[in-house]
Amino acid sequence: MNAPTLVQLVAACVGIIGSLFFAIGIMRQSIEAMGRLSGSYWDNNPHMPPALAAQKADYLFGGSLIVAAFALQLASYLVPNDLQVLSPSQGHWVPWVAVVVTILVFAILRLAASRLARHYQTQIETWINDDQSRT
């Protein structure tokens, strides 16, 4: 194994570990914690639940995609170098398809993240209302 390949392999492993910490940090942020952050000692901030919900949804999608990207990079070292998927004459259009697919997938995931954010926002607001009724 040559030095650049070893460095790329180590970078992929470090990237997986770092992105897992990134994702775990936001996954552990509970509805209760977000509800408490949304409030103050005198009243609650109505702008915080949507912001925290959107942040958590975006971080979950982003962190998952970062983990997947580094995992794919790591998996690329398991594929034999002589394996030919497409001939050079067939492969010239692949970058353009990748660009279009990337844009479409991003749009679909943004929609999914916004729906997940609305779900979290509802849960946060329910927790806040329940917490206020307990006091």
C-alpha atoms as a PDB file:
ATOM      1  CA  MET A   1       0.000   0.000   0.000  1.00  0.00           C
ATOM      2  CA  ASN A   2       1.410   3.364  -0.973  1.00  0.00           C
ATOM      3  CA  ALA A   3       1.499   6.365   1.384  1.00  0.00           C
ATOM      4  CA  PRO A   4      -1.310   8.419  -0.244  1.00  0.00           C
ATOM      5  CA  THR A   5      -3.648   5.417  -0.121  1.00  0.00           C
ATOM      6  CA  LEU A   6      -2.820   4.841   3.542  1.00  0.00           C
ATOM      7  CA  VAL A   7      -3.499   8.494   4.346  1.00  0.00           C
ATOM      8  CA  GLN A   8      -6.833   8.342   2.490  1.00  0.00           C
ATOM      9  CA  LEU A   9      -7.780   5.194   4.385  1.00  0.00           C
ATOM     10  CA  VAL A  10      -6.923   6.786   7.736  1.00  0.00           C
ATOM     11  CA  ALA A  11      -8.844   9.931   6.718  1.00  0.00           C
ATOM     12  CA  ALA A  12     -11.940   7.866   5.928  1.00  0.00           C
ATOM     13  CA  CYS A  13     -11.734   6.132   9.319  1.00  0.00           C
ATOM     14  CA  VAL A  14     -11.254   9.432  11.173  1.00  0.00           C
ATOM     15  CA  GLY A  15     -14.130  10.939   9.171  1.00  0.00           C
ATOM     16  CA  ILE A  16     -16.469   8.120  10.201  1.00  0.00           C
ATOM     17  CA  ILE A  17     -15.541   8.538  13.851  1.00  0.00           C
ATOM     18  CA  GLY A  18     -15.921  12.324  13.748  1.00  0.00           C
ATOM     19  CA  SER A  19     -19.234  12.245  11.945  1.00  0.00           C
ATOM     20  CA  LEU A  20     -20.562   9.634  14.372  1.00  0.00           C
ATOM     21  CA  PHE A  21     -19.745  11.942  17.284  1.00  0.00           C
ATOM     22  CA  PHE A  22     -21.457  14.773  15.391  1.00  0.00           C
ATOM     23  CA  ALA A  23     -24.562  12.669  14.793  1.00  0.00           C
ATOM     24  CA  ILE A  24     -24.666  11.180  18.300  1.00  0.00           C
ATOM     25  CA  GLY A  25     -24.472  14.653  19.835  1.00  0.00           C
ATOM     26  CA  ILE A  26     -27.651  15.796  18.152  1.00  0.00           C
ATOM     27  CA  MET A  27     -29.451  12.450  18.453  1.00  0.00           C
ATOM     28  CA  ARG A  28     -29.064  12.629  22.217  1.00  0.00           C
ATOM     29  CA  GLN A  29     -30.779  16.027  22.326  1.00  0.00           C
ATOM     30  CA  SER A  30     -34.148  15.021  23.718  1.00  0.00           C
ATOM     31  CA  ILE A  31     -37.533  16.657  23.312  1.00  0.00           C
ATOM     32  CA  GLU A  32     -37.378  17.571  27.005  1.00  0.00           C
ATOM     33  CA  ALA A  33     -33.996  19.292  26.560  1.00  0.00           C
ATOM     34  CA  MET A  34     -35.289  21.227  23.562  1.00  0.00           C
ATOM     35  CA  GLY A  35     -38.415  22.183  25.531  1.00  0.00           C
ATOM     36  CA  ARG A  36     -36.304  23.455  28.416  1.00  0.00           C
ATOM     37  CA  LEU A  37     -34.091  25.430  26.019  1.00  0.00           C
ATOM     38  CA  SER A  38     -37.198  26.998  24.512  1.00  0.00           C
ATOM     39  CA  GLY A  39     -38.337  28.407  27.821  1.00  0.00           C
ATOM     40  CA  SER A  40     -37.039  31.016  30.147  1.00  0.00           C
ATOM     41  CA  TYR A  41     -37.645  31.709  33.790  1.00  0.00           C
ATOM     42  CA  TRP A  42     -40.611  33.970  33.019  1.00  0.00           C
ATOM     43  CA  ASP A  43     -42.144  32.625  29.822  1.00  0.00           C
ATOM     44  CA  ASN A  44     -41.322  30.586  26.756  1.00  0.00           C
ATOM     45  CA  ASN A  45     -39.808  31.768  23.501  1.00  0.00           C
ATOM     46  CA  PRO A  46     -42.194  30.853  20.649  1.00  0.00           C
ATOM     47  CA  HIS A  47     -39.374  31.086  18.094  1.00  0.00           C
ATOM     48  CA  MET A  48     -37.164  28.469  19.715  1.00  0.00           C
ATOM     49  CA  PRO A  49     -39.180  25.242  19.146  1.00  0.00           C
ATOM     50  CA  PRO A  50     -39.220  25.606  15.332  1.00  0.00           C
ATOM     51  CA  ALA A  51     -35.538  26.579  15.283  1.00  0.00           C
ATOM     52  CA  LEU A  52     -34.445  23.695  17.510  1.00  0.00           C
ATOM     53  CA  ALA A  53     -36.654  21.220  15.646  1.00  0.00           C
ATOM     54  CA  ALA A  54     -35.271  22.275  12.253  1.00  0.00           C
ATOM     55  CA  GLN A  55     -31.720  22.176  13.595  1.00  0.00           C
ATOM     56  CA  LYS A  56     -32.152  18.641  14.932  1.00  0.00           C
ATOM     57  CA  ALA A  57     -33.747  17.381  11.701  1.00  0.00           C
ATOM     58  CA  ASP A  58     -31.019  18.941   9.543  1.00  0.00           C
ATOM     59  CA  TYR A  59     -28.265  17.595  11.783  1.00  0.00           C
ATOM     60  CA  LEU A  60     -29.758  14.097  11.712  1.00  0.00           C
ATOM     61  CA  PHE A  61     -29.928  14.053   7.920  1.00  0.00           C
ATOM     62  CA  GLY A  62     -26.552  15.768   7.502  1.00  0.00           C
ATOM     63  CA  GLY A  63     -24.781  13.592  10.046  1.00  0.00           C
ATOM     64  CA  SER A  64     -26.207  10.425   8.519  1.00  0.00           C
ATOM     65  CA  LEU A  65     -25.079  11.474   5.058  1.00  0.00           C
ATOM     66  CA  ILE A  66     -21.579  12.311   6.314  1.00  0.00           C
ATOM     67  CA  VAL A  67     -21.326   8.875   7.950  1.00  0.00           C
ATOM     68  CA  ALA A  68     -22.523   7.257   4.717  1.00  0.00           C
ATOM     69  CA  ALA A  69     -20.033   9.241   2.620  1.00  0.00           C
ATOM     70  CA  PHE A  70     -17.074   8.219   4.744  1.00  0.00           C
ATOM     71  CA  ALA A  71     -18.313   4.621   4.900  1.00  0.00           C
ATOM     72  CA  LEU A  72     -18.524   4.552   1.092  1.00  0.00           C
ATOM     73  CA  GLN A  73     -15.032   6.004   0.887  1.00  0.00           C
ATOM     74  CA  LEU A  74     -13.810   3.291   3.243  1.00  0.00           C
ATOM     75  CA  ALA A  75     -15.687   0.599   1.275  1.00  0.00           C
ATOM     76  CA  SER A  76     -14.016   1.755  -1.926  1.00  0.00           C
ATOM     77  CA  TYR A  77     -10.794   0.181  -0.646  1.00  0.00           C
ATOM     78  CA  LEU A  78     -12.506  -3.224  -0.639  1.00  0.00           C
ATOM     79  CA  VAL A  79     -13.343  -3.080  -4.357  1.00  0.00           C
ATOM     80  CA  PRO A  80     -10.695  -4.589  -6.645  1.00  0.00           C
ATOM     81  CA  ASN A  81      -8.816  -2.008  -8.747  1.00  0.00           C
ATOM     82  CA  ASP A  82      -9.242  -4.006 -11.949  1.00  0.00           C
ATOM     83  CA  LEU A  83     -13.045  -4.201 -11.681  1.00  0.00           C
ATOM     84  CA  GLN A  84     -14.519  -2.368 -14.688  1.00  0.00           C
ATOM     85  CA  VAL A  85     -18.138  -1.226 -14.204  1.00  0.00           C
ATOM     86  CA  LEU A  86     -18.564   0.862 -17.361  1.00  0.00           C
ATOM     87  CA  SER A  87     -16.458   1.145 -20.464  1.00  0.00           C
ATOM     88  CA  PRO A  88     -14.850   4.552 -21.110  1.00  0.00           C
ATOM     89  CA  SER A  89     -17.348   5.208 -23.920  1.00  0.00           C
ATOM     90  CA  GLN A  90     -20.279   4.492 -21.566  1.00  0.00           C
ATOM     91  CA  GLY A  91     -18.895   6.364 -18.568  1.00  0.00           C
ATOM     92  CA  HIS A  92     -18.743   9.872 -20.050  1.00  0.00           C
ATOM     93  CA  TRP A  93     -22.328  10.664 -19.018  1.00  0.00           C
ATOM     94  CA  VAL A  94     -22.016   9.399 -15.421  1.00  0.00           C
ATOM     95  CA  PRO A  95     -20.888  12.760 -13.920  1.00  0.00           C
ATOM     96  CA  TRP A  96     -23.940  14.504 -15.410  1.00  0.00           C
ATOM     97  CA  VAL A  97     -26.285  11.850 -14.056  1.00  0.00           C
ATOM     98  CA  ALA A  98     -24.575  12.192 -10.666  1.00  0.00           C
ATOM     99  CA  VAL A  99     -25.190  15.963 -10.677  1.00  0.00           C
ATOM    100  CA  VAL A 100     -28.888  15.556 -11.512  1.00  0.00           C
ATOM    101  CA  VAL A 101     -29.370  12.758  -8.977  1.00  0.00           C
ATOM    102  CA  THR A 102     -27.581  14.800  -6.301  1.00  0.00           C
ATOM    103  CA  ILE A 103     -29.881  17.776  -6.866  1.00  0.00           C
ATOM    104  CA  LEU A 104     -33.005  15.593  -6.807  1.00  0.00           C
ATOM    105  CA  VAL A 105     -31.931  13.684  -3.701  1.00  0.00           C
ATOM    106  CA  PHE A 106     -31.096  16.948  -1.920  1.00  0.00           C
ATOM    107  CA  ALA A 107     -34.555  18.342  -2.706  1.00  0.00           C
ATOM    108  CA  ILE A 108     -36.260  15.151  -1.494  1.00  0.00           C
ATOM    109  CA  LEU A 109     -34.187  15.042   1.699  1.00  0.00           C
ATOM    110  CA  ARG A 110     -34.858  18.750   2.408  1.00  0.00           C
ATOM    111  CA  LEU A 111     -38.588  18.001   2.181  1.00  0.00           C
ATOM    112  CA  ALA A 112     -38.186  14.999   4.477  1.00  0.00           C
ATOM    113  CA  ALA A 113     -36.121  17.057   6.941  1.00  0.00           C
ATOM    114  CA  SER A 114     -38.765  19.795   7.049  1.00  0.00           C
ATOM    115  CA  ARG A 115     -41.452  17.205   7.783  1.00  0.00           C
ATOM    116  CA  LEU A 116     -39.312  15.700  10.520  1.00  0.00           C
ATOM    117  CA  ALA A 117     -38.737  19.206  11.909  1.00  0.00           C
ATOM    118  CA  ARG A 118     -42.509  19.780  12.081  1.00  0.00           C
ATOM    119  CA  HIS A 119     -42.837  16.484  13.946  1.00  0.00           C
ATOM    120  CA  TYR A 120     -40.172  17.519  16.469  1.00  0.00           C
ATOM    121  CA  GLN A 121     -41.716  20.990  16.798  1.00  0.00           C
ATOM    122  CA  THR A 122     -45.092  19.434  17.677  1.00  0.00           C
ATOM    123  CA  GLN A 123     -43.433  17.211  20.267  1.00  0.00           C
ATOM    124  CA  ILE A 124     -41.523  20.151  21.787  1.00  0.00           C
ATOM    125  CA  GLU A 125     -44.629  22.324  21.979  1.00  0.00           C
ATOM    126  CA  THR A 126     -46.595  19.458  23.548  1.00  0.00           C
ATOM    127  CA  TRP A 127     -43.846  19.005  26.138  1.00  0.00           C
ATOM    128  CA  ILE A 128     -43.848  22.754  26.895  1.00  0.00           C
ATOM    129  CA  ASN A 129     -47.629  22.791  27.313  1.00  0.00           C
ATOM    130  CA  ASP A 130     -47.527  19.707  29.541  1.00  0.00           C
ATOM    131  CA  ASP A 131     -44.689  21.208  31.575  1.00  0.00           C
ATOM    132  CA  GLN A 132     -46.589  24.463  32.032  1.00  0.00           C
ATOM    133  CA  SER A 133     -49.689  22.607  33.163  1.00  0.00           C
ATOM    134  CA  ARG A 134     -47.612  20.709  35.758  1.00  0.00           C
ATOM    135  CA  THR A 135     -46.405  23.930  37.365  1.00  0.00           C
END
